[in-house]
């Protein structure tokens, strides 16, 4: 038997003001998208903004439905739109922000498992990492240089 040790590296910024200007701008787009989310059941609004290699910015937010779980998360809304409208353009960066109407969110909130898998698919497809920045409504911002830090044992088509 062998032991497999898996490590992930994240970078933590104390506030949004510490981010590079382009990332701060992308995060503000995520805030705008978050504020338009439709989340009457969870009261948990999430916004995502994606920077494409061609300079386009795509946003998405969570869209809930009374027929849980048929809604869609912000990250997948944005990434699937990017994939459908710009199928050959690489995704460079993604910014995510989440807030709850039930309590303050001041710690970084990463993508859920389903969103991690969807992001992984695009990272594998484009053969380059996607920088992911995530936060609550305020406070620290976490940065991952690649989805593999958030989902180290990624499931992909090469396993099938």
N, C-alpha and C. Protein backbone atom coordinates (compact mmCIF):
# COMPACT_ATOMS: atom_id res chain seq x y z
N UNK A 1 0.84 -1.18 0.00
CA UNK A 1 0.00 0.00 0.00
C UNK A 1 0.89 1.24 0.00
N UNK A 2 0.45 2.26 -0.74
CA UNK A 2 1.14 3.54 -0.78
C UNK A 2 0.20 4.61 -0.24
N UNK A 3 0.80 5.64 0.28
CA UNK A 3 0.01 6.79 0.72
C UNK A 3 0.06 7.86 -0.36
N UNK A 4 -1.08 8.43 -0.65
CA UNK A 4 -1.18 9.51 -1.62
C UNK A 4 -1.54 10.77 -0.85
N UNK A 5 -0.69 11.74 -0.88
CA UNK A 5 -0.95 13.01 -0.19
C UNK A 5 -1.33 14.04 -1.24
N UNK A 6 -2.46 14.69 -1.04
CA UNK A 6 -2.95 15.69 -1.97
C UNK A 6 -2.95 17.04 -1.26
N UNK A 7 -2.35 18.02 -1.90
CA UNK A 7 -2.30 19.36 -1.33
C UNK A 7 -2.91 20.36 -2.29
N UNK A 8 -3.54 21.37 -1.72
CA UNK A 8 -4.10 22.46 -2.51
C UNK A 8 -3.53 23.76 -2.01
N UNK A 9 -3.33 24.67 -2.92
CA UNK A 9 -2.82 25.98 -2.55
C UNK A 9 -3.82 27.05 -2.96
N UNK A 10 -4.22 27.86 -1.98
CA UNK A 10 -5.07 29.01 -2.22
C UNK A 10 -4.34 30.24 -1.74
N UNK A 11 -4.65 31.36 -2.34
CA UNK A 11 -4.10 32.64 -1.91
C UNK A 11 -5.25 33.45 -1.34
N UNK A 12 -5.03 34.10 -0.20
CA UNK A 12 -6.09 34.83 0.47
C UNK A 12 -5.77 36.33 0.49
N UNK A 13 -6.71 37.10 -0.03
CA UNK A 13 -6.63 38.56 0.02
C UNK A 13 -7.52 39.01 1.16
N UNK A 14 -7.08 39.98 1.94
CA UNK A 14 -7.87 40.44 3.08
C UNK A 14 -9.17 41.12 2.65
N UNK A 15 -9.11 41.87 1.56
CA UNK A 15 -10.29 42.59 1.07
C UNK A 15 -10.26 42.62 -0.45
N UNK A 16 -11.36 43.00 -1.03
CA UNK A 16 -11.45 43.13 -2.49
C UNK A 16 -10.48 44.20 -3.00
N UNK A 17 -10.19 45.20 -2.18
CA UNK A 17 -9.30 46.28 -2.59
C UNK A 17 -7.86 45.81 -2.82
N UNK A 18 -7.49 44.65 -2.30
CA UNK A 18 -6.15 44.10 -2.51
C UNK A 18 -6.01 43.37 -3.85
N UNK A 19 -7.12 43.11 -4.50
CA UNK A 19 -7.08 42.39 -5.77
C UNK A 19 -6.47 43.25 -6.87
N UNK A 20 -5.86 42.61 -7.88
CA UNK A 20 -5.45 43.37 -9.06
C UNK A 20 -6.67 44.08 -9.64
N UNK A 21 -6.47 45.21 -10.27
CA UNK A 21 -7.60 46.03 -10.75
C UNK A 21 -8.54 45.27 -11.68
N UNK A 22 -7.99 44.45 -12.59
CA UNK A 22 -8.86 43.72 -13.51
C UNK A 22 -9.72 42.70 -12.77
N UNK A 23 -9.16 42.10 -11.72
CA UNK A 23 -9.92 41.12 -10.95
C UNK A 23 -10.95 41.82 -10.07
N UNK A 24 -10.60 42.97 -9.52
CA UNK A 24 -11.56 43.75 -8.73
C UNK A 24 -12.76 44.12 -9.60
N UNK A 25 -12.49 44.53 -10.82
CA UNK A 25 -13.56 44.88 -11.75
C UNK A 25 -14.42 43.65 -12.07
N UNK A 26 -13.78 42.50 -12.26
CA UNK A 26 -14.51 41.26 -12.54
C UNK A 26 -15.37 40.88 -11.33
N UNK A 27 -14.83 41.03 -10.12
CA UNK A 27 -15.59 40.71 -8.92
C UNK A 27 -16.80 41.64 -8.79
N UNK A 28 -16.64 42.89 -9.15
CA UNK A 28 -17.77 43.82 -9.09
C UNK A 28 -18.87 43.40 -10.08
N UNK A 29 -18.47 42.83 -11.21
CA UNK A 29 -19.46 42.29 -12.16
C UNK A 29 -20.18 41.08 -11.53
N UNK A 30 -19.44 40.30 -10.75
CA UNK A 30 -20.06 39.18 -10.04
C UNK A 30 -21.06 39.69 -9.01
N UNK A 31 -20.74 40.81 -8.33
CA UNK A 31 -21.68 41.42 -7.38
C UNK A 31 -22.97 41.82 -8.10
N UNK A 32 -22.81 42.47 -9.26
CA UNK A 32 -23.98 42.92 -10.02
C UNK A 32 -24.85 41.73 -10.43
N UNK A 33 -24.20 40.66 -10.86
CA UNK A 33 -24.94 39.46 -11.24
C UNK A 33 -25.62 38.85 -10.01
N UNK A 34 -24.91 38.81 -8.90
CA UNK A 34 -25.45 38.26 -7.64
C UNK A 34 -26.73 38.99 -7.23
N UNK A 35 -26.72 40.31 -7.40
CA UNK A 35 -27.87 41.12 -7.00
C UNK A 35 -29.10 40.85 -7.86
N UNK A 36 -28.93 40.20 -9.00
CA UNK A 36 -30.05 39.88 -9.89
C UNK A 36 -30.48 38.41 -9.78
N UNK A 37 -29.87 37.66 -8.87
CA UNK A 37 -30.18 36.24 -8.73
C UNK A 37 -31.64 36.03 -8.35
N UNK A 38 -32.16 34.89 -8.74
CA UNK A 38 -33.51 34.50 -8.36
C UNK A 38 -33.39 33.32 -7.40
N UNK A 39 -33.47 33.63 -6.10
CA UNK A 39 -33.26 32.61 -5.07
C UNK A 39 -34.30 32.73 -3.95
N UNK A 40 -35.59 32.62 -4.30
CA UNK A 40 -36.63 32.80 -3.28
C UNK A 40 -36.75 31.64 -2.28
N UNK A 41 -36.12 30.52 -2.57
CA UNK A 41 -36.24 29.35 -1.70
C UNK A 41 -35.07 29.24 -0.74
N UNK A 42 -33.87 29.43 -1.21
CA UNK A 42 -32.69 29.33 -0.34
C UNK A 42 -32.31 30.67 0.28
N UNK A 43 -32.74 31.76 -0.34
CA UNK A 43 -32.32 33.11 0.08
C UNK A 43 -30.79 33.24 0.04
N UNK A 44 -30.17 32.51 -0.86
CA UNK A 44 -28.71 32.48 -1.01
C UNK A 44 -28.40 32.90 -2.44
N UNK A 45 -28.00 34.16 -2.62
CA UNK A 45 -27.74 34.70 -3.96
C UNK A 45 -26.27 34.55 -4.32
N UNK A 46 -26.03 34.06 -5.52
CA UNK A 46 -24.66 33.87 -6.01
C UNK A 46 -24.54 34.53 -7.38
N UNK A 47 -23.42 35.21 -7.59
CA UNK A 47 -23.12 35.80 -8.88
C UNK A 47 -21.75 35.35 -9.34
N UNK A 48 -21.59 35.17 -10.63
CA UNK A 48 -20.31 34.78 -11.21
C UNK A 48 -20.04 35.66 -12.42
N UNK A 49 -18.78 35.99 -12.61
CA UNK A 49 -18.33 36.72 -13.80
C UNK A 49 -17.11 36.02 -14.35
N UNK A 50 -17.11 35.84 -15.65
CA UNK A 50 -16.03 35.12 -16.34
C UNK A 50 -15.36 36.06 -17.33
N UNK A 51 -14.04 36.09 -17.29
CA UNK A 51 -13.26 36.83 -18.28
C UNK A 51 -12.77 35.84 -19.32
N UNK A 52 -13.13 36.09 -20.58
CA UNK A 52 -12.68 35.25 -21.68
C UNK A 52 -11.40 35.81 -22.28
N UNK A 53 -10.68 34.96 -22.96
CA UNK A 53 -9.42 35.33 -23.60
C UNK A 53 -9.58 36.49 -24.58
N UNK A 54 -10.76 36.62 -25.18
CA UNK A 54 -11.00 37.70 -26.14
C UNK A 54 -11.43 39.01 -25.48
N UNK A 55 -11.45 39.04 -24.13
CA UNK A 55 -11.81 40.25 -23.40
C UNK A 55 -13.28 40.34 -23.01
N UNK A 56 -14.10 39.47 -23.57
CA UNK A 56 -15.53 39.46 -23.21
C UNK A 56 -15.69 39.06 -21.74
N UNK A 57 -16.68 39.64 -21.08
CA UNK A 57 -17.04 39.25 -19.72
C UNK A 57 -18.45 38.69 -19.75
N UNK A 58 -18.60 37.49 -19.24
CA UNK A 58 -19.88 36.80 -19.18
C UNK A 58 -20.27 36.70 -17.71
N UNK A 59 -21.52 37.00 -17.41
CA UNK A 59 -21.98 36.88 -16.02
C UNK A 59 -23.12 35.87 -15.93
N UNK A 60 -23.31 35.39 -14.72
CA UNK A 60 -24.42 34.48 -14.45
C UNK A 60 -24.79 34.56 -12.99
N UNK A 61 -25.99 34.14 -12.67
CA UNK A 61 -26.41 34.08 -11.28
C UNK A 61 -27.28 32.85 -11.08
N UNK A 62 -27.48 32.50 -9.82
CA UNK A 62 -28.28 31.30 -9.56
C UNK A 62 -29.75 31.58 -9.85
N UNK A 63 -30.39 30.57 -10.41
CA UNK A 63 -31.79 30.62 -10.79
C UNK A 63 -32.49 29.41 -10.18
N UNK A 64 -33.28 29.65 -9.13
CA UNK A 64 -33.93 28.55 -8.43
C UNK A 64 -35.30 28.24 -9.03
N UNK A 65 -35.83 27.11 -8.61
CA UNK A 65 -37.13 26.66 -9.09
C UNK A 65 -37.79 25.90 -7.96
N UNK A 66 -39.10 26.00 -7.83
CA UNK A 66 -39.83 25.29 -6.77
C UNK A 66 -39.61 23.78 -6.88
N UNK A 67 -39.29 23.32 -8.06
CA UNK A 67 -39.01 21.90 -8.27
C UNK A 67 -37.52 21.64 -8.06
N UNK A 68 -37.11 21.79 -6.79
CA UNK A 68 -35.69 21.54 -6.47
C UNK A 68 -35.30 20.18 -6.98
N UNK A 69 -34.17 19.92 -7.51
CA UNK A 69 -33.04 20.81 -7.73
C UNK A 69 -32.93 21.25 -9.20
N UNK A 70 -34.03 21.55 -9.83
CA UNK A 70 -33.98 21.85 -11.25
C UNK A 70 -33.46 23.26 -11.57
N UNK A 71 -33.10 24.03 -10.58
CA UNK A 71 -32.51 25.34 -10.82
C UNK A 71 -31.07 25.19 -11.30
N UNK A 72 -30.39 26.31 -11.41
CA UNK A 72 -29.01 26.27 -11.89
C UNK A 72 -28.17 27.27 -11.12
N UNK A 73 -26.96 26.88 -10.78
CA UNK A 73 -26.02 27.73 -10.04
C UNK A 73 -25.45 28.82 -10.94
N UNK A 74 -24.96 29.88 -10.31
CA UNK A 74 -24.38 31.02 -11.04
C UNK A 74 -23.20 30.62 -11.91
N UNK A 75 -22.31 29.81 -11.34
CA UNK A 75 -21.11 29.43 -12.07
C UNK A 75 -21.44 28.65 -13.33
N UNK A 76 -22.38 27.72 -13.23
CA UNK A 76 -22.75 26.93 -14.41
C UNK A 76 -23.54 27.76 -15.40
N UNK A 77 -24.38 28.68 -14.91
CA UNK A 77 -25.11 29.57 -15.81
C UNK A 77 -24.11 30.34 -16.68
N UNK A 78 -23.08 30.90 -16.04
CA UNK A 78 -22.09 31.69 -16.76
C UNK A 78 -21.21 30.83 -17.68
N UNK A 79 -20.72 29.73 -17.16
CA UNK A 79 -19.78 28.92 -17.95
C UNK A 79 -20.47 28.25 -19.13
N UNK A 80 -21.72 27.83 -18.96
CA UNK A 80 -22.43 27.22 -20.08
C UNK A 80 -22.78 28.26 -21.14
N UNK A 81 -23.10 29.47 -20.72
CA UNK A 81 -23.36 30.53 -21.70
C UNK A 81 -22.07 30.83 -22.48
N UNK A 82 -20.97 30.94 -21.75
CA UNK A 82 -19.68 31.18 -22.42
C UNK A 82 -19.38 30.07 -23.42
N UNK A 83 -19.62 28.84 -23.01
CA UNK A 83 -19.36 27.70 -23.89
C UNK A 83 -20.27 27.66 -25.11
N UNK A 84 -21.52 28.12 -24.94
CA UNK A 84 -22.44 28.09 -26.08
C UNK A 84 -22.22 29.26 -27.04
N UNK A 85 -21.82 30.41 -26.53
CA UNK A 85 -21.64 31.58 -27.38
C UNK A 85 -20.22 31.76 -27.90
N UNK A 86 -19.25 31.25 -27.15
CA UNK A 86 -17.83 31.39 -27.52
C UNK A 86 -17.13 30.05 -27.34
N UNK A 87 -17.53 29.03 -28.10
CA UNK A 87 -17.04 27.68 -27.85
C UNK A 87 -15.54 27.47 -28.00
N UNK A 88 -14.88 28.29 -28.77
CA UNK A 88 -13.44 28.11 -28.97
C UNK A 88 -12.60 29.13 -28.21
N UNK A 89 -13.23 29.96 -27.39
CA UNK A 89 -12.50 31.00 -26.65
C UNK A 89 -12.23 30.52 -25.24
N UNK A 90 -10.98 30.63 -24.81
CA UNK A 90 -10.59 30.15 -23.48
C UNK A 90 -11.12 31.05 -22.37
N UNK A 91 -11.42 30.42 -21.27
CA UNK A 91 -11.81 31.13 -20.05
C UNK A 91 -10.53 31.41 -19.27
N UNK A 92 -10.31 32.67 -18.92
CA UNK A 92 -9.08 33.06 -18.24
C UNK A 92 -9.29 33.12 -16.73
N UNK A 93 -10.35 33.81 -16.31
CA UNK A 93 -10.59 34.03 -14.88
C UNK A 93 -12.07 33.95 -14.60
N UNK A 94 -12.37 33.59 -13.35
CA UNK A 94 -13.74 33.56 -12.88
C UNK A 94 -13.78 34.19 -11.50
N UNK A 95 -14.77 35.06 -11.27
CA UNK A 95 -14.99 35.67 -9.96
C UNK A 95 -16.37 35.27 -9.47
N UNK A 96 -16.47 34.91 -8.19
CA UNK A 96 -17.72 34.42 -7.62
C UNK A 96 -17.96 35.13 -6.28
N UNK A 97 -19.19 35.56 -6.07
CA UNK A 97 -19.57 36.16 -4.79
C UNK A 97 -20.93 35.62 -4.38
N UNK A 98 -21.07 35.31 -3.09
CA UNK A 98 -22.33 34.78 -2.56
C UNK A 98 -22.75 35.54 -1.32
N UNK A 99 -24.05 35.70 -1.18
CA UNK A 99 -24.60 36.36 -0.01
C UNK A 99 -25.87 35.64 0.42
N UNK A 100 -26.16 35.72 1.69
CA UNK A 100 -27.36 35.10 2.23
C UNK A 100 -28.25 36.16 2.85
N UNK A 101 -29.54 36.02 2.65
CA UNK A 101 -30.48 36.94 3.29
C UNK A 101 -30.71 36.54 4.74
N UNK A 102 -30.21 35.36 5.13
CA UNK A 102 -30.42 34.85 6.48
C UNK A 102 -29.31 35.22 7.45
N UNK A 103 -28.08 35.40 6.95
CA UNK A 103 -26.96 35.75 7.81
C UNK A 103 -25.83 36.32 6.96
N UNK A 104 -24.93 37.10 7.57
CA UNK A 104 -23.83 37.68 6.79
C UNK A 104 -22.89 36.59 6.25
N UNK A 105 -22.33 36.83 5.08
CA UNK A 105 -21.35 35.92 4.48
C UNK A 105 -20.04 36.69 4.32
N UNK A 106 -19.14 36.48 5.26
CA UNK A 106 -17.88 37.22 5.23
C UNK A 106 -16.67 36.31 5.03
N UNK A 107 -16.90 35.05 4.75
CA UNK A 107 -15.80 34.14 4.44
C UNK A 107 -15.93 33.70 2.98
N UNK A 108 -14.83 33.34 2.35
CA UNK A 108 -14.89 32.91 0.94
C UNK A 108 -15.80 31.68 0.77
N UNK A 109 -16.68 31.75 -0.21
CA UNK A 109 -17.60 30.65 -0.49
C UNK A 109 -17.25 30.08 -1.86
N UNK A 110 -16.69 28.87 -1.88
CA UNK A 110 -16.26 28.27 -3.15
C UNK A 110 -17.43 27.70 -3.94
N UNK A 111 -17.19 27.35 -5.19
CA UNK A 111 -18.23 26.71 -5.99
C UNK A 111 -18.65 25.37 -5.38
N UNK A 112 -19.91 24.98 -5.58
CA UNK A 112 -20.38 23.68 -5.12
C UNK A 112 -19.71 22.57 -5.95
N UNK A 113 -19.93 21.34 -5.58
CA UNK A 113 -19.31 20.22 -6.28
C UNK A 113 -19.71 20.12 -7.75
N UNK A 114 -21.00 20.32 -8.04
CA UNK A 114 -21.45 20.24 -9.43
C UNK A 114 -20.78 21.33 -10.27
N UNK A 115 -20.66 22.52 -9.70
CA UNK A 115 -20.01 23.62 -10.44
C UNK A 115 -18.52 23.35 -10.61
N UNK A 116 -17.90 22.77 -9.61
CA UNK A 116 -16.47 22.43 -9.73
C UNK A 116 -16.26 21.47 -10.89
N UNK A 117 -17.15 20.49 -11.01
CA UNK A 117 -17.03 19.53 -12.11
C UNK A 117 -17.25 20.21 -13.46
N UNK A 118 -18.21 21.12 -13.53
CA UNK A 118 -18.46 21.84 -14.79
C UNK A 118 -17.27 22.71 -15.16
N UNK A 119 -16.69 23.40 -14.20
CA UNK A 119 -15.51 24.23 -14.46
C UNK A 119 -14.35 23.33 -14.89
N UNK A 120 -14.22 22.18 -14.24
CA UNK A 120 -13.15 21.23 -14.59
C UNK A 120 -13.24 20.82 -16.05
N UNK A 121 -14.44 20.59 -16.52
CA UNK A 121 -14.64 20.18 -17.91
C UNK A 121 -14.06 21.21 -18.88
N UNK A 122 -14.31 22.47 -18.58
CA UNK A 122 -13.81 23.53 -19.46
C UNK A 122 -12.30 23.71 -19.33
N UNK A 123 -11.78 23.56 -18.12
CA UNK A 123 -10.34 23.67 -17.92
C UNK A 123 -9.62 22.54 -18.67
N UNK A 124 -10.16 21.35 -18.62
CA UNK A 124 -9.58 20.21 -19.35
C UNK A 124 -9.69 20.44 -20.85
N UNK A 125 -10.86 20.89 -21.30
CA UNK A 125 -11.09 21.14 -22.73
C UNK A 125 -10.10 22.15 -23.30
N UNK A 126 -9.87 23.23 -22.57
CA UNK A 126 -9.01 24.29 -23.10
C UNK A 126 -7.53 24.06 -22.80
N UNK A 127 -7.22 23.06 -21.98
CA UNK A 127 -5.83 22.68 -21.67
C UNK A 127 -5.03 23.82 -21.01
N UNK A 128 -5.73 24.72 -20.35
CA UNK A 128 -5.07 25.77 -19.57
C UNK A 128 -5.90 26.01 -18.31
N UNK A 129 -5.23 26.36 -17.22
CA UNK A 129 -5.96 26.58 -15.97
C UNK A 129 -6.84 27.83 -16.01
N UNK A 130 -7.84 27.83 -15.17
CA UNK A 130 -8.74 28.97 -14.99
C UNK A 130 -8.50 29.51 -13.58
N UNK A 131 -8.12 30.77 -13.46
CA UNK A 131 -7.99 31.39 -12.14
C UNK A 131 -9.40 31.59 -11.58
N UNK A 132 -9.60 31.20 -10.32
CA UNK A 132 -10.90 31.33 -9.69
C UNK A 132 -10.76 32.14 -8.41
N UNK A 133 -11.52 33.22 -8.32
CA UNK A 133 -11.56 34.08 -7.15
C UNK A 133 -12.95 33.94 -6.54
N UNK A 134 -13.02 33.76 -5.22
CA UNK A 134 -14.33 33.62 -4.61
C UNK A 134 -14.37 34.25 -3.23
N UNK A 135 -15.57 34.75 -2.90
CA UNK A 135 -15.76 35.44 -1.63
C UNK A 135 -17.23 35.41 -1.23
N UNK A 136 -17.50 35.86 -0.01
CA UNK A 136 -18.88 36.08 0.41
C UNK A 136 -19.30 37.45 -0.09
N UNK A 137 -20.14 38.13 0.68
CA UNK A 137 -20.53 39.49 0.27
C UNK A 137 -19.48 40.50 0.68
N UNK A 138 -18.61 40.14 1.62
CA UNK A 138 -17.53 41.02 2.07
C UNK A 138 -16.42 40.14 2.66
N UNK A 139 -15.35 40.79 3.09
CA UNK A 139 -14.28 40.04 3.76
C UNK A 139 -13.23 39.50 2.81
N UNK A 140 -12.63 38.41 3.24
CA UNK A 140 -11.53 37.81 2.49
C UNK A 140 -11.97 37.31 1.11
N UNK A 141 -11.00 37.32 0.20
CA UNK A 141 -11.19 36.77 -1.14
C UNK A 141 -10.15 35.67 -1.31
N UNK A 142 -10.59 34.49 -1.72
CA UNK A 142 -9.67 33.39 -1.99
C UNK A 142 -9.42 33.30 -3.48
N UNK A 143 -8.19 32.91 -3.82
CA UNK A 143 -7.82 32.72 -5.23
C UNK A 143 -7.21 31.33 -5.39
N UNK A 144 -7.69 30.64 -6.39
CA UNK A 144 -7.11 29.37 -6.80
C UNK A 144 -6.57 29.54 -8.21
N UNK A 145 -5.35 29.12 -8.45
CA UNK A 145 -4.76 29.25 -9.78
C UNK A 145 -5.33 28.27 -10.79
N UNK A 146 -6.04 27.27 -10.28
CA UNK A 146 -6.62 26.25 -11.15
C UNK A 146 -7.76 25.56 -10.41
N UNK A 147 -8.69 25.05 -11.14
CA UNK A 147 -9.78 24.30 -10.54
C UNK A 147 -9.25 23.08 -9.80
N UNK A 148 -8.12 22.54 -10.22
CA UNK A 148 -7.58 21.34 -9.59
C UNK A 148 -7.24 21.54 -8.12
N UNK A 149 -7.07 22.78 -7.68
CA UNK A 149 -6.88 23.03 -6.24
C UNK A 149 -8.18 22.80 -5.48
N UNK A 150 -9.32 23.00 -6.13
CA UNK A 150 -10.62 22.84 -5.49
C UNK A 150 -11.21 21.45 -5.70
N UNK A 151 -10.74 20.76 -6.73
CA UNK A 151 -11.21 19.42 -7.06
C UNK A 151 -10.01 18.60 -7.54
N UNK A 152 -9.16 18.19 -6.59
CA UNK A 152 -7.89 17.57 -6.99
C UNK A 152 -8.02 16.22 -7.70
N UNK A 153 -9.02 15.45 -7.40
CA UNK A 153 -9.20 14.16 -8.08
C UNK A 153 -10.31 14.31 -9.10
N UNK A 154 -10.07 15.16 -10.08
CA UNK A 154 -11.09 15.51 -11.06
C UNK A 154 -11.50 14.28 -11.88
N UNK A 155 -12.79 14.21 -12.13
CA UNK A 155 -13.35 13.16 -12.98
C UNK A 155 -13.41 13.71 -14.40
N UNK A 156 -12.76 13.05 -15.34
CA UNK A 156 -12.81 13.54 -16.72
C UNK A 156 -12.98 12.40 -17.70
N UNK A 157 -13.15 12.79 -18.96
CA UNK A 157 -13.45 11.81 -20.01
C UNK A 157 -12.35 10.76 -20.17
N UNK A 158 -11.15 11.05 -19.71
CA UNK A 158 -10.05 10.11 -19.86
C UNK A 158 -10.17 8.95 -18.88
N UNK A 159 -11.08 9.08 -17.90
CA UNK A 159 -11.31 7.99 -16.97
C UNK A 159 -12.34 7.01 -17.51
N UNK A 160 -13.08 7.41 -18.52
CA UNK A 160 -14.16 6.57 -19.04
C UNK A 160 -13.66 5.52 -20.01
